[in-house]
Amino acid sequence: MPSITYQNSGKTIEVDKDANILRTSIRYEGTVPYKCGGGLCGTCRVRIVDGHDNLSRVMKKEIDRLGAERIEEGYRLACQTFVTGDVTIAWGEEDLERLNKIAKRRINASS
């Protein structure tokens, strides 16, 4: 059974194969920040610390929100990413205020 380690909250959770990182975080209090949960806002950006090869392919929404450079640096949207093996993720507390502002703008624009 794969596991997701949420470095910031210190939790490691065993999950089913193809589990979604954000949904698992919500269910088991992994504390990944998020606003929309659907790839619109970019708030659930996480950095893959370990286990890049154990993830689903990068989705178009991720490229649109993060850009190719961030994806190459190891960032993914937790709401769009599914695990096939063990992964470790982290997110920057310093990004939260900036991400919240971006999320509000994007959600308001799509309403």
PDB file of N, CA and C in Angstrom:
ATOM      1  N   MET A   1       0.842  -1.178   0.000  1.00  0.00           N
ATOM      2  CA  MET A   1       0.000   0.000   0.000  1.00  0.00           C
ATOM      3  C   MET A   1       0.893   1.250   0.000  1.00  0.00           C
ATOM      4  N   PRO A   2       0.655   2.197  -0.911  1.00  0.00           N
ATOM      5  CA  PRO A   2       1.459   3.420  -0.941  1.00  0.00           C
ATOM      6  C   PRO A   2       1.211   4.278   0.295  1.00  0.00           C
ATOM      7  N   SER A   3       2.159   5.163   0.567  1.00  0.00           N
ATOM      8  CA  SER A   3       1.961   6.113   1.661  1.00  0.00           C
ATOM      9  C   SER A   3       2.297   7.519   1.176  1.00  0.00           C
ATOM     10  N   ILE A   4       1.618   8.497   1.773  1.00  0.00           N
ATOM     11  CA  ILE A   4       1.896   9.906   1.530  1.00  0.00           C
ATOM     12  C   ILE A   4       2.418  10.479   2.836  1.00  0.00           C
ATOM     13  N   THR A   5       3.596  11.075   2.788  1.00  0.00           N
ATOM     14  CA  THR A   5       4.139  11.759   3.955  1.00  0.00           C
ATOM     15  C   THR A   5       3.958  13.252   3.748  1.00  0.00           C
ATOM     16  N   TYR A   6       3.207  13.863   4.651  1.00  0.00           N
ATOM     17  CA  TYR A   6       2.957  15.309   4.640  1.00  0.00           C
ATOM     18  C   TYR A   6       4.002  15.928   5.560  1.00  0.00           C
ATOM     19  N   GLN A   7       5.099  16.397   4.980  1.00  0.00           N
ATOM     20  CA  GLN A   7       6.242  16.845   5.758  1.00  0.00           C
ATOM     21  C   GLN A   7       5.886  17.971   6.732  1.00  0.00           C
ATOM     22  N   ASN A   8       5.070  18.922   6.314  1.00  0.00           N
ATOM     23  CA  ASN A   8       4.754  20.060   7.176  1.00  0.00           C
ATOM     24  C   ASN A   8       3.948  19.661   8.415  1.00  0.00           C
ATOM     25  N   SER A   9       3.030  18.720   8.258  1.00  0.00           N
ATOM     26  CA  SER A   9       2.216  18.318   9.407  1.00  0.00           C
ATOM     27  C   SER A   9       2.804  17.111  10.126  1.00  0.00           C
ATOM     28  N   GLY A  10       3.822  16.483   9.527  1.00  0.00           N
ATOM     29  CA  GLY A  10       4.462  15.344  10.170  1.00  0.00           C
ATOM     30  C   GLY A  10       3.668  14.051  10.095  1.00  0.00           C
ATOM     31  N   LYS A  11       2.668  14.000   9.224  1.00  0.00           N
ATOM     32  CA  LYS A  11       1.835  12.800   9.117  1.00  0.00           C
ATOM     33  C   LYS A  11       2.263  11.942   7.937  1.00  0.00           C
ATOM     34  N   THR A  12       2.214  10.641   8.131  1.00  0.00           N
ATOM     35  CA  THR A  12       2.370   9.683   7.048  1.00  0.00           C
ATOM     36  C   THR A  12       1.114   8.824   7.048  1.00  0.00           C
ATOM     37  N   ILE A  13       0.487   8.755   5.884  1.00  0.00           N
ATOM     38  CA  ILE A  13      -0.792   8.074   5.780  1.00  0.00           C
ATOM     39  C   ILE A  13      -0.711   7.012   4.693  1.00  0.00           C
ATOM     40  N   GLU A  14      -1.096   5.793   5.030  1.00  0.00           N
ATOM     41  CA  GLU A  14      -1.188   4.743   4.023  1.00  0.00           C
ATOM     42  C   GLU A  14      -2.470   4.944   3.236  1.00  0.00           C
ATOM     43  N   VAL A  15      -2.352   4.833   1.912  1.00  0.00           N
ATOM     44  CA  VAL A  15      -3.490   5.109   1.031  1.00  0.00           C
ATOM     45  C   VAL A  15      -3.624   4.003  -0.006  1.00  0.00           C
ATOM     46  N   ASP A  16      -4.765   3.955  -0.640  1.00  0.00           N
ATOM     47  CA  ASP A  16      -4.957   3.053  -1.772  1.00  0.00           C
ATOM     48  C   ASP A  16      -4.182   3.594  -2.956  1.00  0.00           C
ATOM     49  N   LYS A  17      -3.795   2.716  -3.864  1.00  0.00           N
ATOM     50  CA  LYS A  17      -3.169   3.147  -5.103  1.00  0.00           C
ATOM     51  C   LYS A  17      -4.132   4.074  -5.836  1.00  0.00           C
ATOM     52  N   ASP A  18      -3.619   5.112  -6.456  1.00  0.00           N
ATOM     53  CA  ASP A  18      -4.382   6.135  -7.177  1.00  0.00           C
ATOM     54  C   ASP A  18      -5.174   7.053  -6.250  1.00  0.00           C
ATOM     55  N   ALA A  19      -4.770   7.158  -4.984  1.00  0.00           N
ATOM     56  CA  ALA A  19      -5.395   8.113  -4.064  1.00  0.00           C
ATOM     57  C   ALA A  19      -4.967   9.531  -4.450  1.00  0.00           C
ATOM     58  N   ASN A  20      -5.867  10.476  -4.276  1.00  0.00           N
ATOM     59  CA  ASN A  20      -5.599  11.877  -4.567  1.00  0.00           C
ATOM     60  C   ASN A  20      -4.931  12.523  -3.350  1.00  0.00           C
ATOM     61  N   ILE A  21      -3.868  13.280  -3.589  1.00  0.00           N
ATOM     62  CA  ILE A  21      -3.107  13.888  -2.491  1.00  0.00           C
ATOM     63  C   ILE A  21      -3.972  14.849  -1.669  1.00  0.00           C
ATOM     64  N   LEU A  22      -4.722  15.722  -2.320  1.00  0.00           N
ATOM     65  CA  LEU A  22      -5.521  16.696  -1.569  1.00  0.00           C
ATOM     66  C   LEU A  22      -6.665  16.019  -0.808  1.00  0.00           C
ATOM     67  N   ARG A  23      -7.394  15.131  -1.457  1.00  0.00           N
ATOM     68  CA  ARG A  23      -8.512  14.468  -0.773  1.00  0.00           C
ATOM     69  C   ARG A  23      -8.030  13.685   0.447  1.00  0.00           C
ATOM     70  N   THR A  24      -6.877  13.048   0.311  1.00  0.00           N
ATOM     71  CA  THR A  24      -6.298  12.326   1.446  1.00  0.00           C
ATOM     72  C   THR A  24      -5.933  13.296   2.558  1.00  0.00           C
ATOM     73  N   SER A  25      -5.363  14.440   2.194  1.00  0.00           N
ATOM     74  CA  SER A  25      -5.009  15.451   3.187  1.00  0.00           C
ATOM     75  C   SER A  25      -6.237  15.947   3.937  1.00  0.00           C
ATOM     76  N   ILE A  26      -7.316  16.200   3.219  1.00  0.00           N
ATOM     77  CA  ILE A  26      -8.550  16.675   3.851  1.00  0.00           C
ATOM     78  C   ILE A  26      -9.102  15.608   4.793  1.00  0.00           C
ATOM     79  N   ARG A  27      -9.173  14.386   4.324  1.00  0.00           N
ATOM     80  CA  ARG A  27      -9.761  13.291   5.106  1.00  0.00           C
ATOM     81  C   ARG A  27      -8.962  12.986   6.377  1.00  0.00           C
ATOM     82  N   TYR A  28      -7.615  13.036   6.276  1.00  0.00           N
ATOM     83  CA  TYR A  28      -6.774  12.621   7.399  1.00  0.00           C
ATOM     84  C   TYR A  28      -5.985  13.775   8.022  1.00  0.00           C
ATOM     85  N   GLU A  29      -6.422  15.000   7.768  1.00  0.00           N
ATOM     86  CA  GLU A  29      -5.834  16.202   8.355  1.00  0.00           C
ATOM     87  C   GLU A  29      -4.328  16.328   8.080  1.00  0.00           C
ATOM     88  N   GLY A  30      -3.988  16.162   6.791  1.00  0.00           N
ATOM     89  CA  GLY A  30      -2.604  16.355   6.376  1.00  0.00           C
ATOM     90  C   GLY A  30      -2.232  17.831   6.291  1.00  0.00           C
ATOM     91  N   THR A  31      -3.205  18.698   6.283  1.00  0.00           N
ATOM     92  CA  THR A  31      -3.112  20.166   6.325  1.00  0.00           C
ATOM     93  C   THR A  31      -2.565  20.844   5.071  1.00  0.00           C
ATOM     94  N   VAL A  32      -2.667  20.201   3.911  1.00  0.00           N
ATOM     95  CA  VAL A  32      -2.306  20.887   2.669  1.00  0.00           C
ATOM     96  C   VAL A  32      -3.287  22.050   2.491  1.00  0.00           C
ATOM     97  N   PRO A  33      -2.784  23.273   2.265  1.00  0.00           N
ATOM     98  CA  PRO A  33      -3.694  24.410   2.074  1.00  0.00           C
ATOM     99  C   PRO A  33      -4.471  24.262   0.767  1.00  0.00           C
ATOM    100  N   TYR A  34      -5.725  24.709   0.775  1.00  0.00           N
ATOM    101  CA  TYR A  34      -6.528  24.661  -0.452  1.00  0.00           C
ATOM    102  C   TYR A  34      -7.718  25.600  -0.315  1.00  0.00           C
ATOM    103  N   LYS A  35      -8.257  25.992  -1.446  1.00  0.00           N
ATOM    104  CA  LYS A  35      -9.481  26.802  -1.480  1.00  0.00           C
ATOM    105  C   LYS A  35     -10.560  26.102  -2.297  1.00  0.00           C
ATOM    106  N   CYS A  36     -10.257  25.780  -3.566  1.00  0.00           N
ATOM    107  CA  CYS A  36     -11.317  25.278  -4.447  1.00  0.00           C
ATOM    108  C   CYS A  36     -11.325  23.757  -4.592  1.00  0.00           C
ATOM    109  N   GLY A  37     -10.178  23.116  -4.594  1.00  0.00           N
ATOM    110  CA  GLY A  37     -10.102  21.671  -4.751  1.00  0.00           C
ATOM    111  C   GLY A  37     -10.314  21.168  -6.162  1.00  0.00           C
ATOM    112  N   GLY A  38     -10.367  22.085  -7.144  1.00  0.00           N
ATOM    113  CA  GLY A  38     -10.654  21.664  -8.517  1.00  0.00           C
ATOM    114  C   GLY A  38      -9.652  22.130  -9.556  1.00  0.00           C
ATOM    115  N   GLY A  39      -8.498  22.620  -9.144  1.00  0.00           N
ATOM    116  CA  GLY A  39      -7.481  23.038 -10.102  1.00  0.00           C
ATOM    117  C   GLY A  39      -7.651  24.450 -10.623  1.00  0.00           C
ATOM    118  N   LEU A  40      -8.571  25.217 -10.041  1.00  0.00           N
ATOM    119  CA  LEU A  40      -8.810  26.582 -10.510  1.00  0.00           C
ATOM    120  C   LEU A  40      -7.903  27.609  -9.841  1.00  0.00           C
ATOM    121  N   CYS A  41      -7.639  27.437  -8.550  1.00  0.00           N
ATOM    122  CA  CYS A  41      -6.992  28.517  -7.800  1.00  0.00           C
ATOM    123  C   CYS A  41      -5.489  28.356  -7.616  1.00  0.00           C
ATOM    124  N   GLY A  42      -4.980  27.150  -7.598  1.00  0.00           N
ATOM    125  CA  GLY A  42      -3.546  26.940  -7.402  1.00  0.00           C
ATOM    126  C   GLY A  42      -3.097  26.960  -5.954  1.00  0.00           C
ATOM    127  N   THR A  43      -4.022  27.078  -5.023  1.00  0.00           N
ATOM    128  CA  THR A  43      -3.675  27.178  -3.609  1.00  0.00           C
ATOM    129  C   THR A  43      -3.041  25.899  -3.063  1.00  0.00           C
ATOM    130  N   CYS A  44      -3.369  24.759  -3.625  1.00  0.00           N
ATOM    131  CA  CYS A  44      -2.876  23.483  -3.101  1.00  0.00           C
ATOM    132  C   CYS A  44      -1.529  23.074  -3.710  1.00  0.00           C
ATOM    133  N   ARG A  45      -0.763  24.062  -4.128  1.00  0.00           N
ATOM    134  CA  ARG A  45       0.567  23.780  -4.693  1.00  0.00           C
ATOM    135  C   ARG A  45       1.448  23.138  -3.625  1.00  0.00           C
ATOM    136  N   VAL A  46       2.014  21.998  -3.970  1.00  0.00           N
ATOM    137  CA  VAL A  46       2.938  21.301  -3.077  1.00  0.00           C
ATOM    138  C   VAL A  46       4.218  20.983  -3.838  1.00  0.00           C
ATOM    139  N   ARG A  47       5.292  20.835  -3.077  1.00  0.00           N
ATOM    140  CA  ARG A  47       6.576  20.441  -3.663  1.00  0.00           C
ATOM    141  C   ARG A  47       6.776  18.959  -3.365  1.00  0.00           C
ATOM    142  N   ILE A  48       7.099  18.213  -4.397  1.00  0.00           N
ATOM    143  CA  ILE A  48       7.349  16.783  -4.223  1.00  0.00           C
ATOM    144  C   ILE A  48       8.790  16.624  -3.751  1.00  0.00           C
ATOM    145  N   VAL A  49       8.953  16.205  -2.515  1.00  0.00           N
ATOM    146  CA  VAL A  49      10.267  16.044  -1.910  1.00  0.00           C
ATOM    147  C   VAL A  49      10.882  14.720  -2.350  1.00  0.00           C
ATOM    148  N   ASP A  50      10.060  13.700  -2.419  1.00  0.00           N
ATOM    149  CA  ASP A  50      10.535  12.366  -2.789  1.00  0.00           C
ATOM    150  C   ASP A  50       9.382  11.598  -3.415  1.00  0.00           C
ATOM    151  N   GLY A  51       9.687  10.781  -4.429  1.00  0.00           N
ATOM    152  CA  GLY A  51       8.672   9.928  -5.033  1.00  0.00           C
ATOM    153  C   GLY A  51       8.075  10.465  -6.321  1.00  0.00           C
ATOM    154  N   HIS A  52       8.807  11.303  -7.044  1.00  0.00           N
ATOM    155  CA  HIS A  52       8.310  11.880  -8.308  1.00  0.00           C
ATOM    156  C   HIS A  52       7.766  10.817  -9.265  1.00  0.00           C
ATOM    157  N   ASP A  53       8.434   9.674  -9.298  1.00  0.00           N
ATOM    158  CA  ASP A  53       8.036   8.614 -10.232  1.00  0.00           C
ATOM    159  C   ASP A  53       6.766   7.885  -9.790  1.00  0.00           C
ATOM    160  N   ASN A  54       6.286   8.186  -8.598  1.00  0.00           N
ATOM    161  CA  ASN A  54       5.108   7.512  -8.060  1.00  0.00           C
ATOM    162  C   ASN A  54       3.853   8.379  -8.145  1.00  0.00           C
ATOM    163  N   LEU A  55       3.822   9.258  -9.144  1.00  0.00           N
ATOM    164  CA  LEU A  55       2.701  10.186  -9.299  1.00  0.00           C
ATOM    165  C   LEU A  55       2.055  10.048 -10.669  1.00  0.00           C
ATOM    166  N   SER A  56       0.799  10.470 -10.741  1.00  0.00           N
ATOM    167  CA  SER A  56       0.102  10.522 -12.025  1.00  0.00           C
ATOM    168  C   SER A  56       0.777  11.552 -12.927  1.00  0.00           C
ATOM    169  N   ARG A  57       0.444  11.504 -14.206  1.00  0.00           N
ATOM    170  CA  ARG A  57       1.035  12.461 -15.148  1.00  0.00           C
ATOM    171  C   ARG A  57       0.560  13.877 -14.834  1.00  0.00           C
ATOM    172  N   VAL A  58       1.334  14.853 -15.245  1.00  0.00           N
ATOM    173  CA  VAL A  58       0.994  16.254 -15.033  1.00  0.00           C
ATOM    174  C   VAL A  58      -0.212  16.610 -15.892  1.00  0.00           C
ATOM    175  N   MET A  59      -1.196  17.249 -15.278  1.00  0.00           N
ATOM    176  CA  MET A  59      -2.437  17.625 -15.959  1.00  0.00           C
ATOM    177  C   MET A  59      -2.318  19.029 -16.553  1.00  0.00           C
ATOM    178  N   LYS A  60      -3.140  19.312 -17.561  1.00  0.00           N
ATOM    179  CA  LYS A  60      -3.145  20.622 -18.200  1.00  0.00           C
ATOM    180  C   LYS A  60      -3.407  21.742 -17.200  1.00  0.00           C
ATOM    181  N   LYS A  61      -4.318  21.518 -16.258  1.00  0.00           N
ATOM    182  CA  LYS A  61      -4.613  22.532 -15.241  1.00  0.00           C
ATOM    183  C   LYS A  61      -3.367  22.881 -14.440  1.00  0.00           C
ATOM    184  N   GLU A  62      -2.516  21.891 -14.192  1.00  0.00           N
ATOM    185  CA  GLU A  62      -1.285  22.148 -13.445  1.00  0.00           C
ATOM    186  C   GLU A  62      -0.332  23.013 -14.258  1.00  0.00           C
ATOM    187  N   ILE A  63      -0.214  22.721 -15.529  1.00  0.00           N
ATOM    188  CA  ILE A  63       0.654  23.525 -16.404  1.00  0.00           C
ATOM    189  C   ILE A  63       0.134  24.957 -16.465  1.00  0.00           C
ATOM    190  N   ASP A  64      -1.192  25.110 -16.597  1.00  0.00           N
ATOM    191  CA  ASP A  64      -1.802  26.442 -16.655  1.00  0.00           C
ATOM    192  C   ASP A  64      -1.575  27.228 -15.373  1.00  0.00           C
ATOM    193  N   ARG A  65      -1.701  26.590 -14.208  1.00  0.00           N
ATOM    194  CA  ARG A  65      -1.603  27.287 -12.919  1.00  0.00           C
ATOM    195  C   ARG A  65      -0.171  27.452 -12.437  1.00  0.00           C
ATOM    196  N   LEU A  66       0.652  26.447 -12.668  1.00  0.00           N
ATOM    197  CA  LEU A  66       2.007  26.465 -12.113  1.00  0.00           C
ATOM    198  C   LEU A  66       3.066  26.908 -13.116  1.00  0.00           C
ATOM    199  N   GLY A  67       2.870  26.567 -14.372  1.00  0.00           N
ATOM    200  CA  GLY A  67       3.876  26.829 -15.389  1.00  0.00           C
ATOM    201  C   GLY A  67       4.898  25.703 -15.443  1.00  0.00           C
ATOM    202  N   ALA A  68       5.516  25.548 -16.585  1.00  0.00           N
ATOM    203  CA  ALA A  68       6.468  24.456 -16.815  1.00  0.00           C
ATOM    204  C   ALA A  68       7.675  24.537 -15.878  1.00  0.00           C
ATOM    205  N   GLU A  69       8.124  25.757 -15.583  1.00  0.00           N
ATOM    206  CA  GLU A  69       9.309  25.916 -14.721  1.00  0.00           C
ATOM    207  C   GLU A  69       9.056  25.370 -13.316  1.00  0.00           C
ATOM    208  N   ARG A  70       7.917  25.712 -12.729  1.00  0.00           N
ATOM    209  CA  ARG A  70       7.584  25.222 -11.380  1.00  0.00           C
ATOM    210  C   ARG A  70       7.416  23.701 -11.372  1.00  0.00           C
ATOM    211  N   ILE A  71       6.818  23.175 -12.417  1.00  0.00           N
ATOM    212  CA  ILE A  71       6.644  21.721 -12.489  1.00  0.00           C
ATOM    213  C   ILE A  71       8.013  21.044 -12.561  1.00  0.00           C
ATOM    214  N   GLU A  72       8.919  21.601 -13.328  1.00  0.00           N
ATOM    215  CA  GLU A  72      10.279  21.053 -13.404  1.00  0.00           C
ATOM    216  C   GLU A  72      10.998  21.145 -12.063  1.00  0.00           C
ATOM    217  N   GLU A  73      10.628  22.134 -11.249  1.00  0.00           N
ATOM    218  CA  GLU A  73      11.216  22.287  -9.913  1.00  0.00           C
ATOM    219  C   GLU A  73      10.606  21.304  -8.910  1.00  0.00           C
ATOM    220  N   GLY A  74       9.598  20.544  -9.342  1.00  0.00           N
ATOM    221  CA  GLY A  74       9.011  19.529  -8.478  1.00  0.00           C
ATOM    222  C   GLY A  74       7.686  19.897  -7.855  1.00  0.00           C
ATOM    223  N   TYR A  75       7.053  20.969  -8.323  1.00  0.00           N
ATOM    224  CA  TYR A  75       5.766  21.377  -7.778  1.00  0.00           C
ATOM    225  C   TYR A  75       4.616  20.715  -8.529  1.00  0.00           C
ATOM    226  N   ARG A  76       3.555  20.435  -7.787  1.00  0.00           N
ATOM    227  CA  ARG A  76       2.328  19.877  -8.356  1.00  0.00           C
ATOM    228  C   ARG A  76       1.137  20.484  -7.627  1.00  0.00           C
ATOM    229  N   LEU A  77      -0.048  20.367  -8.230  1.00  0.00           N
ATOM    230  CA  LEU A  77      -1.283  20.724  -7.547  1.00  0.00           C
ATOM    231  C   LEU A  77      -1.795  19.460  -6.863  1.00  0.00           C
ATOM    232  N   ALA A  78      -1.962  19.520  -5.562  1.00  0.00           N
ATOM    233  CA  ALA A  78      -2.397  18.337  -4.805  1.00  0.00           C
ATOM    234  C   ALA A  78      -3.749  17.829  -5.276  1.00  0.00           C
ATOM    235  N   CYS A  79      -4.624  18.744  -5.715  1.00  0.00           N
ATOM    236  CA  CYS A  79      -5.964  18.337  -6.143  1.00  0.00           C
ATOM    237  C   CYS A  79      -5.963  17.580  -7.468  1.00  0.00           C
ATOM    238  N   GLN A  80      -4.891  17.706  -8.228  1.00  0.00           N
ATOM    239  CA  GLN A  80      -4.813  17.077  -9.548  1.00  0.00           C
ATOM    240  C   GLN A  80      -3.862  15.881  -9.577  1.00  0.00           C
ATOM    241  N   THR A  81      -3.265  15.549  -8.439  1.00  0.00           N
ATOM    242  CA  THR A  81      -2.195  14.556  -8.408  1.00  0.00           C
ATOM    243  C   THR A  81      -2.609  13.315  -7.628  1.00  0.00           C
ATOM    244  N   PHE A  82      -2.355  12.167  -8.235  1.00  0.00           N
ATOM    245  CA  PHE A  82      -2.697  10.870  -7.663  1.00  0.00           C
ATOM    246  C   PHE A  82      -1.417  10.065  -7.469  1.00  0.00           C
ATOM    247  N   VAL A  83      -1.384   9.223  -6.442  1.00  0.00           N
ATOM    248  CA  VAL A  83      -0.171   8.475  -6.113  1.00  0.00           C
ATOM    249  C   VAL A  83      -0.271   7.025  -6.547  1.00  0.00           C
ATOM    250  N   THR A  84       0.858   6.484  -6.999  1.00  0.00           N
ATOM    251  CA  THR A  84       0.941   5.070  -7.339  1.00  0.00           C
ATOM    252  C   THR A  84       1.949   4.351  -6.448  1.00  0.00           C
ATOM    253  N   GLY A  85       2.649   5.110  -5.620  1.00  0.00           N
ATOM    254  CA  GLY A  85       3.640   4.575  -4.692  1.00  0.00           C
ATOM    255  C   GLY A  85       3.932   5.632  -3.637  1.00  0.00           C
ATOM    256  N   ASP A  86       4.929   5.386  -2.809  1.00  0.00           N
ATOM    257  CA  ASP A  86       5.254   6.295  -1.707  1.00  0.00           C
ATOM    258  C   ASP A  86       5.724   7.652  -2.207  1.00  0.00           C
ATOM    259  N   VAL A  87       5.220   8.718  -1.574  1.00  0.00           N
ATOM    260  CA  VAL A  87       5.643  10.087  -1.880  1.00  0.00           C
ATOM    261  C   VAL A  87       5.774  10.880  -0.594  1.00  0.00           C
ATOM    262  N   THR A  88       6.622  11.897  -0.647  1.00  0.00           N
ATOM    263  CA  THR A  88       6.762  12.870   0.433  1.00  0.00           C
ATOM    264  C   THR A  88       6.540  14.239  -0.170  1.00  0.00           C
ATOM    265  N   ILE A  89       5.686  15.042   0.469  1.00  0.00           N
ATOM    266  CA  ILE A  89       5.380  16.367  -0.047  1.00  0.00           C
ATOM    267  C   ILE A  89       5.580  17.423   1.040  1.00  0.00           C
ATOM    268  N   ALA A  90       5.757  18.666   0.582  1.00  0.00           N
ATOM    269  CA  ALA A  90       5.880  19.811   1.494  1.00  0.00           C
ATOM    270  C   ALA A  90       5.271  21.021   0.817  1.00  0.00           C
ATOM    271  N   TRP A  91       4.977  22.034   1.591  1.00  0.00           N
ATOM    272  CA  TRP A  91       4.468  23.292   1.038  1.00  0.00           C
ATOM    273  C   TRP A  91       5.013  24.413   1.894  1.00  0.00           C
ATOM    274  N   GLY A  92       5.167  25.580   1.274  1.00  0.00           N
ATOM    275  CA  GLY A  92       5.768  26.716   1.949  1.00  0.00           C
ATOM    276  C   GLY A  92       4.747  27.580   2.656  1.00  0.00           C
ATOM    277  N   GLU A  93       4.903  27.753   3.940  1.00  0.00           N
ATOM    278  CA  GLU A  93       4.018  28.626   4.708  1.00  0.00           C
ATOM    279  C   GLU A  93       4.083  30.061   4.185  1.00  0.00           C
ATOM    280  N   GLU A  94       5.250  30.457   3.680  1.00  0.00           N
ATOM    281  CA  GLU A  94       5.413  31.823   3.173  1.00  0.00           C
ATOM    282  C   GLU A  94       4.568  32.075   1.929  1.00  0.00           C
ATOM    283  N   ASP A  95       4.138  31.023   1.267  1.00  0.00           N
ATOM    284  CA  ASP A  95       3.326  31.159   0.055  1.00  0.00           C
ATOM    285  C   ASP A  95       1.843  31.348   0.350  1.00  0.00           C
ATOM    286  N   LEU A  96       1.393  31.045   1.547  1.00  0.00           N
ATOM    287  CA  LEU A  96      -0.044  30.983   1.812  1.00  0.00           C
ATOM    288  C   LEU A  96      -0.771  32.298   1.558  1.00  0.00           C
ATOM    289  N   GLU A  97      -0.234  33.408   2.032  1.00  0.00           N
ATOM    290  CA  GLU A  97      -0.914  34.687   1.827  1.00  0.00           C
ATOM    291  C   GLU A  97      -1.009  35.018   0.337  1.00  0.00           C
ATOM    292  N   ARG A  98       0.087  34.835  -0.392  1.00  0.00           N
ATOM    293  CA  ARG A  98       0.096  35.100  -1.831  1.00  0.00           C
ATOM    294  C   ARG A  98      -0.879  34.172  -2.545  1.00  0.00           C
ATOM    295  N   LEU A  99      -0.883  32.907  -2.181  1.00  0.00           N
ATOM    296  CA  LEU A  99      -1.773  31.943  -2.820  1.00  0.00           C
ATOM    297  C   LEU A  99      -3.239  32.247  -2.524  1.00  0.00           C
ATOM    298  N   ASN A 100      -3.530  32.697  -1.328  1.00  0.00           N
ATOM    299  CA  ASN A 100      -4.909  33.054  -0.990  1.00  0.00           C
ATOM    300  C   ASN A 100      -5.403  34.210  -1.849  1.00  0.00           C
ATOM    301  N   LYS A 101      -4.549  35.203  -2.093  1.00  0.00           N
ATOM    302  CA  LYS A 101      -4.932  36.333  -2.940  1.00  0.00           C
ATOM    303  C   LYS A 101      -5.187  35.868  -4.376  1.00  0.00           C
ATOM    304  N   ILE A 102      -4.308  35.033  -4.889  1.00  0.00           N
ATOM    305  CA  ILE A 102      -4.467  34.504  -6.250  1.00  0.00           C
ATOM    306  C   ILE A 102      -5.755  33.691  -6.336  1.00  0.00           C
ATOM    307  N   ALA A 103      -6.006  32.855  -5.340  1.00  0.00           N
ATOM    308  CA  ALA A 103      -7.202  32.013  -5.334  1.00  0.00           C
ATOM    309  C   ALA A 103      -8.470  32.858  -5.386  1.00  0.00           C
ATOM    310  N   LYS A 104      -8.532  33.882  -4.567  1.00  0.00           N
ATOM    311  CA  LYS A 104      -9.712  34.745  -4.553  1.00  0.00           C
ATOM    312  C   LYS A 104      -9.940  35.398  -5.914  1.00  0.00           C
ATOM    313  N   ARG A 105      -8.859  35.879  -6.536  1.00  0.00           N
ATOM    314  CA  ARG A 105      -8.981  36.509  -7.864  1.00  0.00           C
ATOM    315  C   ARG A 105      -9.500  35.504  -8.881  1.00  0.00           C
ATOM    316  N   ARG A 106      -8.938  34.319  -8.913  1.00  0.00           N
ATOM    317  CA  ARG A 106      -9.319  33.310  -9.908  1.00  0.00           C
ATOM    318  C   ARG A 106     -10.733  32.808  -9.686  1.00  0.00           C
ATOM    319  N   ILE A 107     -11.098  32.582  -8.444  1.00  0.00           N
ATOM    320  CA  ILE A 107     -12.460  32.102  -8.171  1.00  0.00           C
ATOM    321  C   ILE A 107     -13.468  33.167  -8.526  1.00  0.00           C
ATOM    322  N   ASN A 108     -13.180  34.422  -8.193  1.00  0.00           N
ATOM    323  CA  ASN A 108     -14.089  35.519  -8.531  1.00  0.00           C
ATOM    324  C   ASN A 108     -14.203  35.693 -10.040  1.00  0.00           C
ATOM    325  N   ALA A 109     -13.099  35.509 -10.763  1.00  0.00           N
ATOM    326  CA  ALA A 109     -13.110  35.668 -12.222  1.00  0.00           C
ATOM    327  C   ALA A 109     -13.923  34.573 -12.901  1.00  0.00           C
ATOM    328  N   SER A 110     -13.944  33.368 -12.315  1.00  0.00           N
ATOM    329  CA  SER A 110     -14.669  32.264 -12.940  1.00  0.00           C
ATOM    330  C   SER A 110     -16.142  32.213 -12.513  1.00  0.00           C
ATOM    331  N   SER A 111     -16.530  33.056 -11.581  1.00  0.00           N
ATOM    332  CA  SER A 111     -17.930  33.051 -11.092  1.00  0.00           C
ATOM    333  C   SER A 111     -18.849  33.783 -12.018  1.00  0.00           C
TER     334      SER A 111
END
